PDB file of N, CA and C in Angstrom:
ATOM      1  N   MET A   1      26.307 116.411 -99.051  1.00  0.00           N
ATOM      2  CA  MET A   1      25.670 115.083 -99.281  1.00  0.00           C
ATOM      3  C   MET A   1      25.154 115.301-100.834  1.00  0.00           C
ATOM      4  N   LEU A   2      24.471 116.636-101.025  1.00  0.00           N
ATOM      5  CA  LEU A   2      24.045 116.870-102.485  1.00  0.00           C
ATOM      6  C   LEU A   2      25.267 116.938-103.498  1.00  0.00           C
ATOM      7  N   THR A   3      26.396 117.467-103.201  1.00  0.00           N
ATOM      8  CA  THR A   3      27.422 117.388-104.029  1.00  0.00           C
ATOM      9  C   THR A   3      27.819 115.802-104.194  1.00  0.00           C
ATOM     10  N   ASP A   4      28.073 115.094-103.222  1.00  0.00           N
ATOM     11  CA  ASP A   4      28.459 113.668-103.486  1.00  0.00           C
ATOM     12  C   ASP A   4      27.386 112.896-104.379  1.00  0.00           C
ATOM     13  N   ALA A   5      26.141 113.105-104.042  1.00  0.00           N
ATOM     14  CA  ALA A   5      25.016 112.658-105.000  1.00  0.00           C
ATOM     15  C   ALA A   5      25.048 112.902-106.417  1.00  0.00           C
ATOM     16  N   ALA A   6      25.319 114.244-106.663  1.00  0.00           N
ATOM     17  CA  ALA A   6      25.616 114.856-107.993  1.00  0.00           C
ATOM     18  C   ALA A   6      26.874 114.080-108.612  1.00  0.00           C
ATOM     19  N   GLU A   7      27.813 113.981-107.825  1.00  0.00           N
ATOM     20  CA  GLU A   7      29.072 113.478-108.343  1.00  0.00           C
ATOM     21  C   GLU A   7      28.911 111.926-108.927  1.00  0.00           C
ATOM     22  N   GLN A   8      27.981 111.218-108.071  1.00  0.00           N
ATOM     23  CA  GLN A   8      27.824 110.050-108.290  1.00  0.00           C
ATOM     24  C   GLN A   8      26.558 109.642-109.248  1.00  0.00           C
ATOM     25  N   GLY A   9      26.266 110.792-109.968  1.00  0.00           N
ATOM     26  CA  GLY A   9      25.167 110.711-111.038  1.00  0.00           C
ATOM     27  C   GLY A   9      23.753 110.387-110.470  1.00  0.00           C
ATOM     28  N   LEU A  10      23.531 110.596-109.152  1.00  0.00           N
ATOM     29  CA  LEU A  10      22.190 110.394-108.609  1.00  0.00           C
ATOM     30  C   LEU A  10      20.974 111.371-108.852  1.00  0.00           C
ATOM     31  N   LEU A  11      21.465 112.637-109.225  1.00  0.00           N
ATOM     32  CA  LEU A  11      20.564 113.803-109.266  1.00  0.00           C
ATOM     33  C   LEU A  11      20.270 113.960-110.714  1.00  0.00           C
ATOM     34  N   ARG A  12      19.084 114.528-111.025  1.00  0.00           N
ATOM     35  CA  ARG A  12      18.732 115.061-112.371  1.00  0.00           C
ATOM     36  C   ARG A  12      19.671 116.115-112.666  1.00  0.00           C
ATOM     37  N   PRO A  13      19.975 116.267-113.947  1.00  0.00           N
ATOM     38  CA  PRO A  13      20.757 117.570-114.455  1.00  0.00           C
ATOM     39  C   PRO A  13      20.146 118.890-113.851  1.00  0.00           C
ATOM     40  N   ALA A  14      20.970 119.669-113.078  1.00  0.00           N
ATOM     41  CA  ALA A  14      20.530 120.830-112.565  1.00  0.00           C
ATOM     42  C   ALA A  14      21.499 121.638-111.960  1.00  0.00           C
ATOM     43  N   ASP A  15      21.355 122.842-111.752  1.00  0.00           N
ATOM     44  CA  ASP A  15      22.241 123.691-111.099  1.00  0.00           C
ATOM     45  C   ASP A  15      22.162 123.475-109.685  1.00  0.00           C
ATOM     46  N   LEU A  16      23.464 122.695-109.204  1.00  0.00           N
ATOM     47  CA  LEU A  16      23.525 122.252-107.799  1.00  0.00           C
ATOM     48  C   LEU A  16      23.356 123.331-106.728  1.00  0.00           C
ATOM     49  N   LYS A  17      23.814 124.634-106.968  1.00  0.00           N
ATOM     50  CA  LYS A  17      23.719 125.661-105.967  1.00  0.00           C
ATOM     51  C   LYS A  17      22.142 126.066-105.878  1.00  0.00           C
ATOM     52  N   ARG A  18      21.367 125.869-107.006  1.00  0.00           N
ATOM     53  CA  ARG A  18      20.009 126.072-106.659  1.00  0.00           C
ATOM     54  C   ARG A  18      19.171 125.118-106.097  1.00  0.00           C
ATOM     55  N   ILE A  19      19.840 123.804-106.273  1.00  0.00           N
ATOM     56  CA  ILE A  19      19.065 122.661-105.490  1.00  0.00           C
ATOM     57  C   ILE A  19      19.275 123.026-104.113  1.00  0.00           C
ATOM     58  N   GLN A  20      20.608 123.294-103.793  1.00  0.00           N
ATOM     59  CA  GLN A  20      20.963 123.544-102.321  1.00  0.00           C
ATOM     60  C   GLN A  20      20.089 124.835-101.678  1.00  0.00           C
ATOM     61  N   ILE A  21      19.972 125.817-102.425  1.00  0.00           N
ATOM     62  CA  ILE A  21      19.116 126.915-101.970  1.00  0.00           C
ATOM     63  C   ILE A  21      17.763 126.541-101.810  1.00  0.00           C
ATOM     64  N   ALA A  22      17.343 125.812-102.732  1.00  0.00           N
ATOM     65  CA  ALA A  22      15.856 125.407-102.750  1.00  0.00           C
ATOM     66  C   ALA A  22      15.488 124.484-101.443  1.00  0.00           C
ATOM     67  N   GLY A  23      16.596 123.482-101.255  1.00  0.00           N
ATOM     68  CA  GLY A  23      16.373 122.588-100.062  1.00  0.00           C
ATOM     69  C   GLY A  23      16.306 123.475 -98.919  1.00  0.00           C
ATOM     70  N   ARG A  24      17.319 124.472 -98.511  1.00  0.00           N
ATOM     71  CA  ARG A  24      17.450 125.254 -97.457  1.00  0.00           C
ATOM     72  C   ARG A  24      16.180 126.041 -97.277  1.00  0.00           C
ATOM     73  N   ALA A  25      15.685 126.700 -98.456  1.00  0.00           N
ATOM     74  CA  ALA A  25      14.328 127.461 -98.225  1.00  0.00           C
ATOM     75  C   ALA A  25      13.255 126.592 -97.732  1.00  0.00           C
ATOM     76  N   LEU A  26      13.195 125.453 -98.291  1.00  0.00           N
ATOM     77  CA  LEU A  26      12.232 124.457 -97.974  1.00  0.00           C
ATOM     78  C   LEU A  26      12.106 124.166 -96.485  1.00  0.00           C
ATOM     79  N   VAL A  27      13.260 123.759 -95.930  1.00  0.00           N
ATOM     80  CA  VAL A  27      13.479 123.459 -94.489  1.00  0.00           C
ATOM     81  C   VAL A  27      13.039 124.656 -93.660  1.00  0.00           C
ATOM     82  N   TYR A  28      13.834 125.735 -94.001  1.00  0.00           N
ATOM     83  CA  TYR A  28      13.600 126.992 -93.158  1.00  0.00           C
ATOM     84  C   TYR A  28      12.183 127.449 -93.119  1.00  0.00           C
ATOM     85  N   ASP A  29      11.399 127.483 -94.365  1.00  0.00           N
ATOM     86  CA  ASP A  29      10.150 127.969 -94.417  1.00  0.00           C
ATOM     87  C   ASP A  29       9.220 127.032 -93.636  1.00  0.00           C
ATOM     88  N   PHE A  30       9.386 125.690 -93.657  1.00  0.00           N
ATOM     89  CA  PHE A  30       8.503 124.755 -92.945  1.00  0.00           C
ATOM     90  C   PHE A  30       8.894 125.151 -91.649  1.00  0.00           C
ATOM     91  N   ALA A  31       9.994 125.114 -91.033  1.00  0.00           N
ATOM     92  CA  ALA A  31      10.174 125.462 -89.643  1.00  0.00           C
ATOM     93  C   ALA A  31       9.397 126.812 -89.272  1.00  0.00           C
ATOM     94  N   ARG A  32       9.546 127.733 -90.124  1.00  0.00           N
ATOM     95  CA  ARG A  32       8.937 129.103 -89.796  1.00  0.00           C
ATOM     96  C   ARG A  32       7.400 129.109 -89.732  1.00  0.00           C
ATOM     97  N   MET A  33       6.866 128.138 -90.605  1.00  0.00           N
ATOM     98  CA  MET A  33       5.351 127.939 -90.716  1.00  0.00           C
ATOM     99  C   MET A  33       4.906 127.273 -89.372  1.00  0.00           C
ATOM    100  N   ASN A  34       5.912 126.251 -88.915  1.00  0.00           N
ATOM    101  CA  ASN A  34       5.599 125.580 -87.535  1.00  0.00           C
ATOM    102  C   ASN A  34       5.608 126.560 -86.355  1.00  0.00           C
ATOM    103  N   LEU A  35       6.680 127.303 -86.313  1.00  0.00           N
ATOM    104  CA  LEU A  35       6.860 128.147 -85.289  1.00  0.00           C
ATOM    105  C   LEU A  35       5.813 129.258 -85.273  1.00  0.00           C
ATOM    106  N   ASP A  36       5.334 129.795 -86.441  1.00  0.00           N
ATOM    107  CA  ASP A  36       4.095 130.882 -86.633  1.00  0.00           C
ATOM    108  C   ASP A  36       2.743 130.092 -86.310  1.00  0.00           C
ATOM    109  N   GLY A  37       2.648 128.833 -86.071  1.00  0.00           N
ATOM    110  CA  GLY A  37       1.501 128.321 -85.767  1.00  0.00           C
ATOM    111  C   GLY A  37       0.431 127.869 -86.963  1.00  0.00           C
ATOM    112  N   HIS A  38       1.085 127.825 -88.303  1.00  0.00           N
ATOM    113  CA  HIS A  38       0.243 127.825 -89.495  1.00  0.00           C
ATOM    114  C   HIS A  38      -0.578 126.481 -89.497  1.00  0.00           C
ATOM    115  N   PHE A  39       0.181 125.310 -89.222  1.00  0.00           N
ATOM    116  CA  PHE A  39      -0.340 124.096 -89.398  1.00  0.00           C
ATOM    117  C   PHE A  39      -1.647 123.414 -88.848  1.00  0.00           C
ATOM    118  N   PRO A  40      -2.038 123.926 -87.637  1.00  0.00           N
ATOM    119  CA  PRO A  40      -3.496 123.705 -87.191  1.00  0.00           C
ATOM    120  C   PRO A  40      -4.587 124.325 -88.098  1.00  0.00           C
ATOM    121  N   ARG A  41      -4.184 125.489 -88.647  1.00  0.00           N
ATOM    122  CA  ARG A  41      -5.225 126.166 -89.435  1.00  0.00           C
ATOM    123  C   ARG A  41      -5.428 125.368 -90.852  1.00  0.00           C
ATOM    124  N   TRP A  42      -4.483 124.665 -91.150  1.00  0.00           N
ATOM    125  CA  TRP A  42      -4.364 123.943 -92.482  1.00  0.00           C
ATOM    126  C   TRP A  42      -4.796 122.421 -92.150  1.00  0.00           C
ATOM    127  N   GLY A  43      -5.110 122.088 -91.106  1.00  0.00           N
ATOM    128  CA  GLY A  43      -5.686 120.812 -90.816  1.00  0.00           C
ATOM    129  C   GLY A  43      -4.448 119.709 -90.242  1.00  0.00           C
ATOM    130  N   VAL A  44      -3.385 120.388 -90.067  1.00  0.00           N
ATOM    131  CA  VAL A  44      -2.262 119.454 -89.784  1.00  0.00           C
ATOM    132  C   VAL A  44      -2.219 119.478 -88.123  1.00  0.00           C
ATOM    133  N   GLU A  45      -2.345 118.363 -87.629  1.00  0.00           N
ATOM    134  CA  GLU A  45      -2.486 118.111 -86.104  1.00  0.00           C
ATOM    135  C   GLU A  45      -1.087 118.165 -85.513  1.00  0.00           C
ATOM    136  N   GLU A  46      -0.988 118.535 -84.326  1.00  0.00           N
ATOM    137  CA  GLU A  46       0.545 118.618 -83.738  1.00  0.00           C
ATOM    138  C   GLU A  46       1.304 117.326 -83.864  1.00  0.00           C
ATOM    139  N   GLY A  47       0.675 116.052 -83.739  1.00  0.00           N
ATOM    140  CA  GLY A  47       1.297 114.944 -83.927  1.00  0.00           C
ATOM    141  C   GLY A  47       1.672 114.370 -85.265  1.00  0.00           C
ATOM    142  N   GLU A  48       1.006 115.437 -86.046  1.00  0.00           N
ATOM    143  CA  GLU A  48       1.326 115.066 -87.758  1.00  0.00           C
ATOM    144  C   GLU A  48       2.453 115.896 -88.183  1.00  0.00           C
ATOM    145  N   ILE A  49       2.955 116.700 -87.612  1.00  0.00           N
ATOM    146  CA  ILE A  49       3.869 117.846 -88.212  1.00  0.00           C
ATOM    147  C   ILE A  49       5.316 117.298 -88.502  1.00  0.00           C
ATOM    148  N   ASP A  50       5.695 116.452 -87.779  1.00  0.00           N
ATOM    149  CA  ASP A  50       7.015 115.707 -87.976  1.00  0.00           C
ATOM    150  C   ASP A  50       6.941 114.726 -89.172  1.00  0.00           C
ATOM    151  N   ARG A  51       5.775 113.979 -89.355  1.00  0.00           N
ATOM    152  CA  ARG A  51       5.442 113.211 -90.294  1.00  0.00           C
ATOM    153  C   ARG A  51       5.259 113.852 -91.759  1.00  0.00           C
ATOM    154  N   THR A  52       4.653 115.188 -91.655  1.00  0.00           N
ATOM    155  CA  THR A  52       4.385 116.000 -92.699  1.00  0.00           C
ATOM    156  C   THR A  52       5.551 116.483 -93.184  1.00  0.00           C
ATOM    157  N   ALA A  53       6.618 116.771 -92.363  1.00  0.00           N
ATOM    158  CA  ALA A  53       7.999 117.531 -92.609  1.00  0.00           C
ATOM    159  C   ALA A  53       8.658 116.200 -93.511  1.00  0.00           C
ATOM    160  N   GLU A  54       8.692 115.018 -92.947  1.00  0.00           N
ATOM    161  CA  GLU A  54       9.454 114.025 -93.743  1.00  0.00           C
ATOM    162  C   GLU A  54       8.824 113.749 -95.042  1.00  0.00           C
ATOM    163  N   GLY A  55       7.481 113.725 -95.125  1.00  0.00           N
ATOM    164  CA  GLY A  55       6.775 113.549 -96.413  1.00  0.00           C
ATOM    165  C   GLY A  55       7.306 114.570 -97.465  1.00  0.00           C
ATOM    166  N   VAL A  56       7.436 116.092 -96.923  1.00  0.00           N
ATOM    167  CA  VAL A  56       7.815 117.181 -97.818  1.00  0.00           C
ATOM    168  C   VAL A  56       9.154 116.967 -98.389  1.00  0.00           C
ATOM    169  N   ILE A  57       9.967 116.513 -97.417  1.00  0.00           N
ATOM    170  CA  ILE A  57      11.297 116.358 -97.802  1.00  0.00           C
ATOM    171  C   ILE A  57      11.408 115.220 -98.702  1.00  0.00           C
ATOM    172  N   ASP A  58      10.746 114.090 -98.423  1.00  0.00           N
ATOM    173  CA  ASP A  58      10.840 113.002 -99.451  1.00  0.00           C
ATOM    174  C   ASP A  58      10.428 113.427-100.841  1.00  0.00           C
ATOM    175  N   ARG A  59       9.436 114.188-100.810  1.00  0.00           N
ATOM    176  CA  ARG A  59       8.823 114.712-102.095  1.00  0.00           C
ATOM    177  C   ARG A  59       9.941 115.634-103.043  1.00  0.00           C
ATOM    178  N   PHE A  60      10.648 116.656-101.927  1.00  0.00           N
ATOM    179  CA  PHE A  60      11.723 117.262-102.794  1.00  0.00           C
ATOM    180  C   PHE A  60      12.921 116.403-103.240  1.00  0.00           C
ATOM    181  N   ILE A  61      13.342 115.602-102.467  1.00  0.00           N
ATOM    182  CA  ILE A  61      14.216 114.470-102.898  1.00  0.00           C
ATOM    183  C   ILE A  61      13.721 113.587-104.178  1.00  0.00           C
ATOM    184  N   ALA A  62      12.623 113.252-104.350  1.00  0.00           N
ATOM    185  CA  ALA A  62      12.066 112.653-105.415  1.00  0.00           C
ATOM    186  C   ALA A  62      12.111 113.483-106.630  1.00  0.00           C
ATOM    187  N   GLY A  63      11.944 114.660-106.520  1.00  0.00           N
ATOM    188  CA  GLY A  63      12.000 115.812-107.589  1.00  0.00           C
ATOM    189  C   GLY A  63      13.291 115.996-108.013  1.00  0.00           C
ATOM    190  N   ILE A  64      14.219 115.808-107.249  1.00  0.00           N
ATOM    191  CA  ILE A  64      15.796 116.071-107.733  1.00  0.00           C
ATOM    192  C   ILE A  64      16.441 114.896-108.049  1.00  0.00           C
ATOM    193  N   ALA A  65      16.091 113.745-107.556  1.00  0.00           N
ATOM    194  CA  ALA A  65      16.759 112.390-107.919  1.00  0.00           C
ATOM    195  C   ALA A  65      16.509 111.955-109.237  1.00  0.00           C
ATOM    196  N   LYS A  66      17.482 111.470-109.710  1.00  0.00           N
ATOM    197  CA  LYS A  66      17.498 110.735-111.031  1.00  0.00           C
ATOM    198  C   LYS A  66      16.649 109.292-110.883  1.00  0.00           C
ATOM    199  N   LEU A  67      15.644 109.144-111.753  1.00  0.00           N
ATOM    200  CA  LEU A  67      14.882 107.911-111.673  1.00  0.00           C
ATOM    201  C   LEU A  67      15.757 106.692-111.961  1.00  0.00           C
ATOM    202  N   THR A  68      15.734 105.715-111.165  1.00  0.00           N
ATOM    203  CA  THR A  68      16.387 104.580-111.435  1.00  0.00           C
ATOM    204  C   THR A  68      15.441 103.328-111.625  1.00  0.00           C
ATOM    205  N   ARG A  69      16.099 102.291-112.256  1.00  0.00           N
ATOM    206  CA  ARG A  69      15.140 101.104-112.467  1.00  0.00           C
ATOM    207  C   ARG A  69      14.666 100.595-111.283  1.00  0.00           C
ATOM    208  N   GLY A  70      13.465 100.200-111.430  1.00  0.00           N
ATOM    209  CA  GLY A  70      12.854  99.694-110.299  1.00  0.00           C
ATOM    210  C   GLY A  70      12.193 100.620-109.175  1.00  0.00           C
ATOM    211  N   THR A  71      12.246 101.802-109.446  1.00  0.00           N
ATOM    212  CA  THR A  71      11.643 102.862-108.730  1.00  0.00           C
ATOM    213  C   THR A  71      10.825 103.744-109.615  1.00  0.00           C
TER     214      THR A  71
END
């Protein structure tokens, strides 16, 4: 999907391999933190973890996506 987005000009100029590794690291570490039980200590309740994960991924995508008009 990232390759397709890059080919369509939807991503900011960057090394695609680094973006892929960063995305994988983000998801892996988020899952690891969840498994290790970190979130309650940081004030993230059990019912908020999925929504927090979505927000983190959305933020990552916003950081790599090229800005378009109207957004």
